[in-house]
Each structure stands twice: as structure tokens, then as C-alpha cells.
Amino acid sequence: MADTIKTDITENIPGNSKCFSKEQLMASSRYMARRDLLDALLDDNREYSINETETIIERFMKGKVE
């Protein structure tokens, strides 16, 4: 179903906290290269702002490998 939803998510005015579902974020062109990562990190039953999504990705990428 995610393939049929094509959404171009853009960050609007700072402070705008529009939220998107995991499916919408994964279908967006902004996160095309990170779909697998979003699928693993985000919860299906929750919505995320762009800033929150970026923070989650950044924290994961800076994590230490043990």
C-alpha cells in the first residue's frame, strides 16, 4: 500500500509540527533512501513530525557499534 501513496513531505515554516504516519514518511521522496531504516525505527501506530523523524535517524546513525 505504501507504493500507492506518493507524498512529497517538505518542512514548512519552523515551529510547524505537522505529523505524518510511518507509512506516509516511508512513501515520501524525502526519505526514499532511508525507507528500510524508517521501517525498523518507527512505530506503526504513531505519527511523527519531520524534526522528530530527523532526530530519530540522527541518533541511530551516531550510535556506537559494540
C-alpha atoms as a PDB file:
ATOM      1  CA  MET A   1       0.000   0.000   0.000  1.00  0.00           C
ATOM      2  CA  ALA A   2       2.897   2.368   0.679  1.00  0.00           C
ATOM      3  CA  ASP A   3       3.764   2.247  -3.018  1.00  0.00           C
ATOM      4  CA  THR A   4       0.413   3.756  -3.970  1.00  0.00           C
ATOM      5  CA  ILE A   5       0.795   6.735  -1.643  1.00  0.00           C
ATOM      6  CA  LYS A   6       3.203   9.244  -3.133  1.00  0.00           C
ATOM      7  CA  THR A   7       3.719  12.156  -0.795  1.00  0.00           C
ATOM      8  CA  ASP A   8       6.285  14.887  -1.080  1.00  0.00           C
ATOM      9  CA  ILE A   9       6.920  15.843   2.524  1.00  0.00           C
ATOM     10  CA  THR A  10       8.563  19.194   2.898  1.00  0.00           C
ATOM     11  CA  GLU A  11       9.481  21.017   6.031  1.00  0.00           C
ATOM     12  CA  ASN A  12       7.319  24.109   6.217  1.00  0.00           C
ATOM     13  CA  ILE A  13       7.620  27.112   8.474  1.00  0.00           C
ATOM     14  CA  PRO A  14       9.804  26.462  11.561  1.00  0.00           C
ATOM     15  CA  GLY A  15       7.631  25.568  14.511  1.00  0.00           C
ATOM     16  CA  ASN A  16       5.046  23.888  12.311  1.00  0.00           C
ATOM     17  CA  SER A  17       4.555  20.476  13.875  1.00  0.00           C
ATOM     18  CA  LYS A  18       2.528  18.662  11.253  1.00  0.00           C
ATOM     19  CA  CYS A  19       2.756  14.947  11.901  1.00  0.00           C
ATOM     20  CA  PHE A  20       2.869  12.040   9.481  1.00  0.00           C
ATOM     21  CA  SER A  21       2.329   8.320   9.824  1.00  0.00           C
ATOM     22  CA  LYS A  22       5.166   5.865   9.340  1.00  0.00           C
ATOM     23  CA  GLU A  23       3.616   4.860   6.015  1.00  0.00           C
ATOM     24  CA  GLN A  24       3.488   8.464   4.778  1.00  0.00           C
ATOM     25  CA  LEU A  25       7.103   9.088   5.757  1.00  0.00           C
ATOM     26  CA  MET A  26       8.259   5.894   4.037  1.00  0.00           C
ATOM     27  CA  ALA A  27       6.358   6.836   0.870  1.00  0.00           C
ATOM     28  CA  SER A  28       7.816  10.334   0.709  1.00  0.00           C
ATOM     29  CA  SER A  29      10.540  11.279  -1.726  1.00  0.00           C
ATOM     30  CA  ARG A  30      12.453  12.920   1.140  1.00  0.00           C
ATOM     31  CA  TYR A  31      13.150   9.552   2.787  1.00  0.00           C
ATOM     32  CA  MET A  32      13.424   7.403  -0.332  1.00  0.00           C
ATOM     33  CA  ALA A  33      16.951   6.242   0.536  1.00  0.00           C
ATOM     34  CA  ARG A  34      16.057   5.560   4.184  1.00  0.00           C
ATOM     35  CA  ARG A  35      12.847   3.553   3.854  1.00  0.00           C
ATOM     36  CA  ASP A  36      14.329   0.420   5.423  1.00  0.00           C
ATOM     37  CA  LEU A  37      15.706   2.434   8.322  1.00  0.00           C
ATOM     38  CA  LEU A  38      12.364   4.139   8.951  1.00  0.00           C
ATOM     39  CA  ASP A  39      10.589   0.797   8.784  1.00  0.00           C
ATOM     40  CA  ALA A  40      12.853  -0.543  11.533  1.00  0.00           C
ATOM     41  CA  LEU A  41      12.902   2.546  13.763  1.00  0.00           C
ATOM     42  CA  LEU A  42       9.375   3.954  13.646  1.00  0.00           C
ATOM     43  CA  ASP A  43       6.249   2.618  15.317  1.00  0.00           C
ATOM     44  CA  ASP A  44       3.309   1.713  13.060  1.00  0.00           C
ATOM     45  CA  ASN A  45       0.721   3.205  15.415  1.00  0.00           C
ATOM     46  CA  ARG A  46       2.285   6.622  15.911  1.00  0.00           C
ATOM     47  CA  GLU A  47       2.740   9.852  13.969  1.00  0.00           C
ATOM     48  CA  TYR A  48       5.999  11.801  13.731  1.00  0.00           C
ATOM     49  CA  SER A  49       6.960  15.350  12.816  1.00  0.00           C
ATOM     50  CA  ILE A  50       9.782  15.929  10.334  1.00  0.00           C
ATOM     51  CA  ASN A  51      12.036  17.227  13.122  1.00  0.00           C
ATOM     52  CA  GLU A  52      11.294  14.199  15.294  1.00  0.00           C
ATOM     53  CA  THR A  53      11.975  11.835  12.400  1.00  0.00           C
ATOM     54  CA  GLU A  54      15.290  13.546  11.635  1.00  0.00           C
ATOM     55  CA  THR A  55      16.284  13.309  15.320  1.00  0.00           C
ATOM     56  CA  ILE A  56      15.487   9.588  15.453  1.00  0.00           C
ATOM     57  CA  ILE A  57      17.563   8.942  12.315  1.00  0.00           C
ATOM     58  CA  GLU A  58      20.442  11.105  13.576  1.00  0.00           C
ATOM     59  CA  ARG A  59      20.565   9.354  16.960  1.00  0.00           C
ATOM     60  CA  PHE A  60      20.585   5.959  15.284  1.00  0.00           C
ATOM     61  CA  MET A  61      23.348   6.925  12.849  1.00  0.00           C
ATOM     62  CA  LYS A  62      25.522   8.292  15.666  1.00  0.00           C
ATOM     63  CA  GLY A  63      25.023   5.191  17.826  1.00  0.00           C
ATOM     64  CA  LYS A  64      28.031   3.155  18.873  1.00  0.00           C
ATOM     65  CA  VAL A  65      28.695  -0.273  17.455  1.00  0.00           C
ATOM     66  CA  GLU A  66      29.586  -2.804  20.104  1.00  0.00           C
END
